[in-house]
Amino acid sequence: MRHQWLDDDDDDEDDDDRPQKGDKEEGLGLPEGDKIGKLYFKSRTVIVAGAINDKLAQRTVAHLLALAEDSDDPINMLISSPGGHVESGDMIHDVIKFIRPTVRTIGSGWVASAGALIFVGAEKENRYCLPNTRFLIHQPSGGIGGTSSDMMIQAEQVRQMRDRLNQIFADATGQKIEKIEADTQRDFWLNTQEALDYGLLGKVIRSVDELK
């Protein structure tokens, strides 16, 4: 299985964002049912699960902004994702830092690629995971095509994106930029202990009671 950071030249037919017949408006992605939805909002928990794309980013950011407007109490963000669009991950990452409430990211299952970018939006002391979580960081990739001039432009954009992401992970982990560059040349998987040692993760938790 190949996990990709996708650039903004995403032409996959499987990721067609055009409305399809029978599609329902997802809103904030809150559980159906008035009582459940209210309890979910009251829990101040945001769930980021599945592929990272513009729809998920819009829904997640809307939820974060609504919770931030509601109060300055901490927000818990559960993340389980194979990755996806870098720019969609950027949007969530930046809004985590933009809003006033502290956001605690909690990894579960796998936190990979653009999912890891979102995960490190929180400060290290606010980055948690459950015991069976795996992490993946790697360099961006995406389709390059068109004229030779266009291909050169696209390749330069990918290089700039790679450098920017390497700096983000260096800042988030405390690792030297040279080590991040070397480690992310290929898929770089980490278990919970490795993620702790690397500086990617702050603490492994087994219960909600362990959240500070």
C-alpha atoms as a PDB file:
ATOM      1  CA  MET A   1       0.000   0.000   0.000  1.00  0.00           C
ATOM      2  CA  ARG A   2       1.391   3.387  -0.986  1.00  0.00           C
ATOM      3  CA  HIS A   3       0.642   6.447   1.090  1.00  0.00           C
ATOM      4  CA  GLN A   4       0.975   9.777  -0.664  1.00  0.00           C
ATOM      5  CA  TRP A   5       1.134  13.417   0.141  1.00  0.00           C
ATOM      6  CA  LEU A   6      -0.897  14.781  -2.721  1.00  0.00           C
ATOM      7  CA  ASP A   7      -0.156  18.191  -4.204  1.00  0.00           C
ATOM      8  CA  ASP A   8      -2.842  20.432  -5.626  1.00  0.00           C
ATOM      9  CA  ASP A   9      -2.637  18.759  -9.056  1.00  0.00           C
ATOM     10  CA  ASP A  10      -5.031  16.029  -7.961  1.00  0.00           C
ATOM     11  CA  ASP A  11      -6.879  14.706 -10.967  1.00  0.00           C
ATOM     12  CA  ASP A  12      -7.932  11.323  -9.603  1.00  0.00           C
ATOM     13  CA  GLU A  13     -11.391  10.398 -10.751  1.00  0.00           C
ATOM     14  CA  ASP A  14     -12.053   8.790  -7.365  1.00  0.00           C
ATOM     15  CA  ASP A  15     -11.719  12.196  -5.673  1.00  0.00           C
ATOM     16  CA  ASP A  16     -14.316  14.049  -7.716  1.00  0.00           C
ATOM     17  CA  ASP A  17     -15.732  16.763  -5.459  1.00  0.00           C
ATOM     18  CA  ARG A  18     -18.721  17.455  -7.681  1.00  0.00           C
ATOM     19  CA  PRO A  19     -22.060  16.720  -5.988  1.00  0.00           C
ATOM     20  CA  GLN A  20     -23.444  13.339  -6.960  1.00  0.00           C
ATOM     21  CA  LYS A  21     -27.093  12.381  -7.178  1.00  0.00           C
ATOM     22  CA  GLY A  22     -28.311  11.319  -3.766  1.00  0.00           C
ATOM     23  CA  ASP A  23     -25.452  13.013  -1.884  1.00  0.00           C
ATOM     24  CA  LYS A  24     -26.444  14.481   1.478  1.00  0.00           C
ATOM     25  CA  GLU A  25     -25.083  17.670   2.978  1.00  0.00           C
ATOM     26  CA  GLU A  26     -22.620  16.615   5.684  1.00  0.00           C
ATOM     27  CA  GLY A  27     -22.620  19.869   7.687  1.00  0.00           C
ATOM     28  CA  LEU A  28     -20.168  19.570  10.572  1.00  0.00           C
ATOM     29  CA  GLY A  29     -20.198  15.792  10.371  1.00  0.00           C
ATOM     30  CA  LEU A  30     -21.899  15.603  13.761  1.00  0.00           C
ATOM     31  CA  PRO A  31     -23.701  12.380  14.672  1.00  0.00           C
ATOM     32  CA  GLU A  32     -27.321  12.251  13.574  1.00  0.00           C
ATOM     33  CA  GLY A  33     -29.905  12.840  16.253  1.00  0.00           C
ATOM     34  CA  ASP A  34     -30.400  16.052  18.200  1.00  0.00           C
ATOM     35  CA  LYS A  35     -29.421  14.614  21.589  1.00  0.00           C
ATOM     36  CA  ILE A  36     -26.313  12.807  20.325  1.00  0.00           C
ATOM     37  CA  GLY A  37     -25.199  15.845  18.350  1.00  0.00           C
ATOM     38  CA  LYS A  38     -25.524  18.106  21.391  1.00  0.00           C
ATOM     39  CA  LEU A  39     -23.593  15.663  23.586  1.00  0.00           C
ATOM     40  CA  TYR A  40     -20.866  15.371  20.942  1.00  0.00           C
ATOM     41  CA  PHE A  41     -20.502  19.146  20.702  1.00  0.00           C
ATOM     42  CA  LYS A  42     -20.517  19.436  24.496  1.00  0.00           C
ATOM     43  CA  SER A  43     -17.657  16.901  24.671  1.00  0.00           C
ATOM     44  CA  ARG A  44     -15.439  19.394  22.780  1.00  0.00           C
ATOM     45  CA  THR A  45     -14.084  16.536  20.689  1.00  0.00           C
ATOM     46  CA  VAL A  46     -13.296  16.768  16.965  1.00  0.00           C
ATOM     47  CA  ILE A  47     -12.842  13.553  14.971  1.00  0.00           C
ATOM     48  CA  VAL A  48     -10.478  13.534  11.977  1.00  0.00           C
ATOM     49  CA  ALA A  49     -10.774  10.102  10.367  1.00  0.00           C
ATOM     50  CA  GLY A  50     -10.049   8.850   6.860  1.00  0.00           C
ATOM     51  CA  ALA A  51      -8.410  10.571   3.906  1.00  0.00           C
ATOM     52  CA  ILE A  52      -7.513  14.245   4.340  1.00  0.00           C
ATOM     53  CA  ASN A  53      -9.254  16.282   1.646  1.00  0.00           C
ATOM     54  CA  ASP A  54     -10.925  19.666   1.241  1.00  0.00           C
ATOM     55  CA  LYS A  55     -14.320  18.452   2.483  1.00  0.00           C
ATOM     56  CA  LEU A  56     -12.865  16.970   5.663  1.00  0.00           C
ATOM     57  CA  ALA A  57     -10.741  20.107   6.205  1.00  0.00           C
ATOM     58  CA  GLN A  58     -13.740  22.419   5.795  1.00  0.00           C
ATOM     59  CA  ARG A  59     -15.833  20.327   8.192  1.00  0.00           C
ATOM     60  CA  THR A  60     -13.015  20.078  10.761  1.00  0.00           C
ATOM     61  CA  VAL A  61     -12.187  23.782  10.685  1.00  0.00           C
ATOM     62  CA  ALA A  62     -15.864  24.729  10.986  1.00  0.00           C
ATOM     63  CA  HIS A  63     -16.124  22.496  14.054  1.00  0.00           C
ATOM     64  CA  LEU A  64     -12.954  23.979  15.593  1.00  0.00           C
ATOM     65  CA  LEU A  65     -14.156  27.544  15.031  1.00  0.00           C
ATOM     66  CA  ALA A  66     -17.571  26.764  16.527  1.00  0.00           C
ATOM     67  CA  LEU A  67     -15.987  25.225  19.629  1.00  0.00           C
ATOM     68  CA  ALA A  68     -13.594  28.172  19.941  1.00  0.00           C
ATOM     69  CA  GLU A  69     -16.538  30.553  19.811  1.00  0.00           C
ATOM     70  CA  ASP A  70     -18.343  28.516  22.463  1.00  0.00           C
ATOM     71  CA  SER A  71     -15.557  28.733  25.093  1.00  0.00           C
ATOM     72  CA  ASP A  72     -11.804  28.776  25.664  1.00  0.00           C
ATOM     73  CA  ASP A  73     -11.803  25.279  27.214  1.00  0.00           C
ATOM     74  CA  PRO A  74      -9.417  22.721  25.629  1.00  0.00           C
ATOM     75  CA  ILE A  75     -10.468  20.813  22.510  1.00  0.00           C
ATOM     76  CA  ASN A  76      -9.605  17.153  21.959  1.00  0.00           C
ATOM     77  CA  MET A  77      -8.941  16.111  18.355  1.00  0.00           C
ATOM     78  CA  LEU A  78      -8.936  12.377  17.617  1.00  0.00           C
ATOM     79  CA  ILE A  79      -6.906  11.551  14.486  1.00  0.00           C
ATOM     80  CA  SER A  80      -6.831   8.311  12.511  1.00  0.00           C
ATOM     81  CA  SER A  81      -5.804   8.907   8.906  1.00  0.00           C
ATOM     82  CA  PRO A  82      -3.692   7.485   6.072  1.00  0.00           C
ATOM     83  CA  GLY A  83      -2.970  11.016   4.839  1.00  0.00           C
ATOM     84  CA  GLY A  84      -4.122  12.937   1.786  1.00  0.00           C
ATOM     85  CA  HIS A  85      -3.890  16.491   0.439  1.00  0.00           C
ATOM     86  CA  VAL A  86      -1.084  18.562   1.915  1.00  0.00           C
ATOM     87  CA  GLU A  87      -2.993  21.839   1.558  1.00  0.00           C
ATOM     88  CA  SER A  88      -6.016  20.412   3.375  1.00  0.00           C
ATOM     89  CA  GLY A  89      -3.708  19.236   6.143  1.00  0.00           C
ATOM     90  CA  ASP A  90      -2.106  22.695   6.202  1.00  0.00           C
ATOM     91  CA  MET A  91      -5.494  24.304   6.738  1.00  0.00           C
ATOM     92  CA  ILE A  92      -6.291  22.216   9.812  1.00  0.00           C
ATOM     93  CA  HIS A  93      -2.716  22.476  11.145  1.00  0.00           C
ATOM     94  CA  ASP A  94      -2.787  26.271  10.928  1.00  0.00           C
ATOM     95  CA  VAL A  95      -6.251  26.660  12.465  1.00  0.00           C
ATOM     96  CA  ILE A  96      -5.216  24.500  15.445  1.00  0.00           C
ATOM     97  CA  LYS A  97      -2.590  27.160  16.132  1.00  0.00           C
ATOM     98  CA  PHE A  98      -4.863  30.063  15.166  1.00  0.00           C
ATOM     99  CA  ILE A  99      -7.713  29.565  17.616  1.00  0.00           C
ATOM    100  CA  ARG A 100      -7.525  30.565  21.281  1.00  0.00           C
ATOM    101  CA  PRO A 101      -8.413  27.228  22.962  1.00  0.00           C
ATOM    102  CA  THR A 102      -5.655  24.656  23.446  1.00  0.00           C
ATOM    103  CA  VAL A 103      -6.052  21.743  21.023  1.00  0.00           C
ATOM    104  CA  ARG A 104      -4.914  18.312  22.217  1.00  0.00           C
ATOM    105  CA  THR A 105      -4.323  15.913  19.343  1.00  0.00           C
ATOM    106  CA  ILE A 106      -4.875  12.223  20.106  1.00  0.00           C
ATOM    107  CA  GLY A 107      -3.639   9.632  17.621  1.00  0.00           C
ATOM    108  CA  SER A 108      -5.449   6.330  17.200  1.00  0.00           C
ATOM    109  CA  GLY A 109      -4.923   3.552  14.651  1.00  0.00           C
ATOM    110  CA  TRP A 110      -2.556   5.320  12.302  1.00  0.00           C
ATOM    111  CA  VAL A 111      -1.409   8.908  11.981  1.00  0.00           C
ATOM    112  CA  ALA A 112       0.211   9.053   8.577  1.00  0.00           C
ATOM    113  CA  SER A 113       1.461  11.626   6.101  1.00  0.00           C
ATOM    114  CA  ALA A 114      -0.921  14.622   6.095  1.00  0.00           C
ATOM    115  CA  GLY A 115      -2.472  13.131   9.223  1.00  0.00           C
ATOM    116  CA  ALA A 116       0.898  13.556  10.951  1.00  0.00           C
ATOM    117  CA  LEU A 117       1.031  17.156   9.724  1.00  0.00           C
ATOM    118  CA  ILE A 118      -2.270  17.810  11.489  1.00  0.00           C
ATOM    119  CA  PHE A 119      -1.085  15.914  14.582  1.00  0.00           C
ATOM    120  CA  VAL A 120       1.920  18.205  15.098  1.00  0.00           C
ATOM    121  CA  GLY A 121      -0.293  21.285  14.925  1.00  0.00           C
ATOM    122  CA  ALA A 122      -0.554  20.842  18.691  1.00  0.00           C
ATOM    123  CA  GLU A 123       2.329  21.611  21.014  1.00  0.00           C
ATOM    124  CA  LYS A 124       4.383  18.572  22.030  1.00  0.00           C
ATOM    125  CA  GLU A 125       2.917  18.461  25.547  1.00  0.00           C
ATOM    126  CA  ASN A 126      -0.551  18.322  23.967  1.00  0.00           C
ATOM    127  CA  ARG A 127       0.216  15.459  21.539  1.00  0.00           C
ATOM    128  CA  TYR A 128      -1.131  12.130  22.772  1.00  0.00           C
ATOM    129  CA  CYS A 129      -1.906   8.734  21.302  1.00  0.00           C
ATOM    130  CA  LEU A 130      -3.569   5.475  22.266  1.00  0.00           C
ATOM    131  CA  PRO A 131      -1.352   2.386  22.708  1.00  0.00           C
ATOM    132  CA  ASN A 132      -1.786   0.774  19.278  1.00  0.00           C
ATOM    133  CA  THR A 133      -1.093   3.848  17.147  1.00  0.00           C
ATOM    134  CA  ARG A 134       1.448   3.917  14.301  1.00  0.00           C
ATOM    135  CA  PHE A 135       2.968   7.030  12.756  1.00  0.00           C
ATOM    136  CA  LEU A 136       4.282   7.714   9.243  1.00  0.00           C
ATOM    137  CA  ILE A 137       6.151  10.700   7.880  1.00  0.00           C
ATOM    138  CA  HIS A 138       7.638  10.971   4.396  1.00  0.00           C
ATOM    139  CA  GLN A 139       8.361  13.425   1.615  1.00  0.00           C
ATOM    140  CA  PRO A 140       5.556  14.777  -0.599  1.00  0.00           C
ATOM    141  CA  SER A 141       4.725  13.195  -3.920  1.00  0.00           C
ATOM    142  CA  GLY A 142       2.239  13.902  -6.650  1.00  0.00           C
ATOM    143  CA  GLY A 143       1.592  13.588 -10.340  1.00  0.00           C
ATOM    144  CA  ILE A 144       3.827  15.684 -12.598  1.00  0.00           C
ATOM    145  CA  GLY A 145       2.875  16.078 -16.225  1.00  0.00           C
ATOM    146  CA  GLY A 146       2.254  18.458 -19.103  1.00  0.00           C
ATOM    147  CA  THR A 147       4.854  20.414 -21.032  1.00  0.00           C
ATOM    148  CA  SER A 148       8.504  20.338 -20.025  1.00  0.00           C
ATOM    149  CA  SER A 149       8.161  23.885 -18.649  1.00  0.00           C
ATOM    150  CA  ASP A 150       5.125  22.908 -16.586  1.00  0.00           C
ATOM    151  CA  MET A 151       6.914  19.845 -15.271  1.00  0.00           C
ATOM    152  CA  MET A 152       9.830  22.004 -14.130  1.00  0.00           C
ATOM    153  CA  ILE A 153       7.444  24.353 -12.318  1.00  0.00           C
ATOM    154  CA  GLN A 154       5.624  21.439 -10.666  1.00  0.00           C
ATOM    155  CA  ALA A 155       8.903  19.813  -9.604  1.00  0.00           C
ATOM    156  CA  GLU A 156      10.023  23.086  -8.016  1.00  0.00           C
ATOM    157  CA  GLN A 157       6.717  23.358  -6.141  1.00  0.00           C
ATOM    158  CA  VAL A 158       7.153  19.829  -4.783  1.00  0.00           C
ATOM    159  CA  ARG A 159      10.706  20.713  -3.683  1.00  0.00           C
ATOM    160  CA  GLN A 160       9.487  23.825  -1.876  1.00  0.00           C
ATOM    161  CA  MET A 161       6.707  21.833  -0.226  1.00  0.00           C
ATOM    162  CA  ARG A 162       9.207  19.178   0.899  1.00  0.00           C
ATOM    163  CA  ASP A 163      11.499  21.804   2.430  1.00  0.00           C
ATOM    164  CA  ARG A 164       8.605  23.484   4.208  1.00  0.00           C
ATOM    165  CA  LEU A 165       7.276  20.221   5.647  1.00  0.00           C
ATOM    166  CA  ASN A 166      10.746  19.154   6.756  1.00  0.00           C
ATOM    167  CA  GLN A 167      11.064  22.420   8.674  1.00  0.00           C
ATOM    168  CA  ILE A 168       7.634  21.940  10.288  1.00  0.00           C
ATOM    169  CA  PHE A 169       8.589  18.477  11.535  1.00  0.00           C
ATOM    170  CA  ALA A 170      12.031  19.647  12.639  1.00  0.00           C
ATOM    171  CA  ASP A 171      10.429  22.409  14.706  1.00  0.00           C
ATOM    172  CA  ALA A 172       7.790  20.030  16.094  1.00  0.00           C
ATOM    173  CA  THR A 173      10.177  17.243  17.087  1.00  0.00           C
ATOM    174  CA  GLY A 174      13.402  19.057  17.950  1.00  0.00           C
ATOM    175  CA  GLN A 175      15.282  16.949  15.392  1.00  0.00           C
ATOM    176  CA  LYS A 176      17.839  18.549  13.109  1.00  0.00           C
ATOM    177  CA  ILE A 177      16.546  19.403   9.661  1.00  0.00           C
ATOM    178  CA  GLU A 178      19.213  17.147   8.109  1.00  0.00           C
ATOM    179  CA  LYS A 179      17.866  14.145  10.029  1.00  0.00           C
ATOM    180  CA  ILE A 180      14.293  14.880   9.010  1.00  0.00           C
ATOM    181  CA  GLU A 181      15.408  15.150   5.378  1.00  0.00           C
ATOM    182  CA  ALA A 182      17.251  11.819   5.564  1.00  0.00           C
ATOM    183  CA  ASP A 183      14.492   9.970   7.416  1.00  0.00           C
ATOM    184  CA  THR A 184      11.718  11.128   5.097  1.00  0.00           C
ATOM    185  CA  GLN A 185      13.460  10.148   1.867  1.00  0.00           C
ATOM    186  CA  ARG A 186      11.397   6.959   2.167  1.00  0.00           C
ATOM    187  CA  ASP A 187       8.391   5.978   4.268  1.00  0.00           C
ATOM    188  CA  PHE A 188       9.460   6.432   7.902  1.00  0.00           C
ATOM    189  CA  TRP A 189       7.239   4.421  10.247  1.00  0.00           C
ATOM    190  CA  LEU A 190       7.325   4.789  14.023  1.00  0.00           C
ATOM    191  CA  ASN A 191       5.623   2.864  16.798  1.00  0.00           C
ATOM    192  CA  THR A 192       4.577   4.654  19.971  1.00  0.00           C
ATOM    193  CA  GLN A 193       7.953   4.314  21.733  1.00  0.00           C
ATOM    194  CA  GLU A 194       9.833   5.392  18.626  1.00  0.00           C
ATOM    195  CA  ALA A 195       7.503   8.381  18.225  1.00  0.00           C
ATOM    196  CA  LEU A 196       8.167   9.353  21.853  1.00  0.00           C
ATOM    197  CA  ASP A 197      11.925   9.060  21.391  1.00  0.00           C
ATOM    198  CA  TYR A 198      11.770  11.015  18.113  1.00  0.00           C
ATOM    199  CA  GLY A 199       9.878  13.907  19.682  1.00  0.00           C
ATOM    200  CA  LEU A 200       6.814  13.432  17.510  1.00  0.00           C
ATOM    201  CA  LEU A 201       4.638  12.323  20.432  1.00  0.00           C
ATOM    202  CA  GLY A 202       4.246  13.722  23.937  1.00  0.00           C
ATOM    203  CA  LYS A 203       2.571  10.876  25.827  1.00  0.00           C
ATOM    204  CA  VAL A 204       0.866   7.515  25.337  1.00  0.00           C
ATOM    205  CA  ILE A 205      -2.462   7.300  27.162  1.00  0.00           C
ATOM    206  CA  ARG A 206      -4.935   4.502  27.809  1.00  0.00           C
ATOM    207  CA  SER A 207      -7.768   6.478  29.372  1.00  0.00           C
ATOM    208  CA  VAL A 208      -9.377   9.885  28.983  1.00  0.00           C
ATOM    209  CA  ASP A 209      -8.542  10.400  32.661  1.00  0.00           C
ATOM    210  CA  GLU A 210      -4.873  10.699  31.686  1.00  0.00           C
ATOM    211  CA  LEU A 211      -5.474  13.870  29.693  1.00  0.00           C
ATOM    212  CA  LYS A 212      -4.143  16.776  31.739  1.00  0.00           C
END
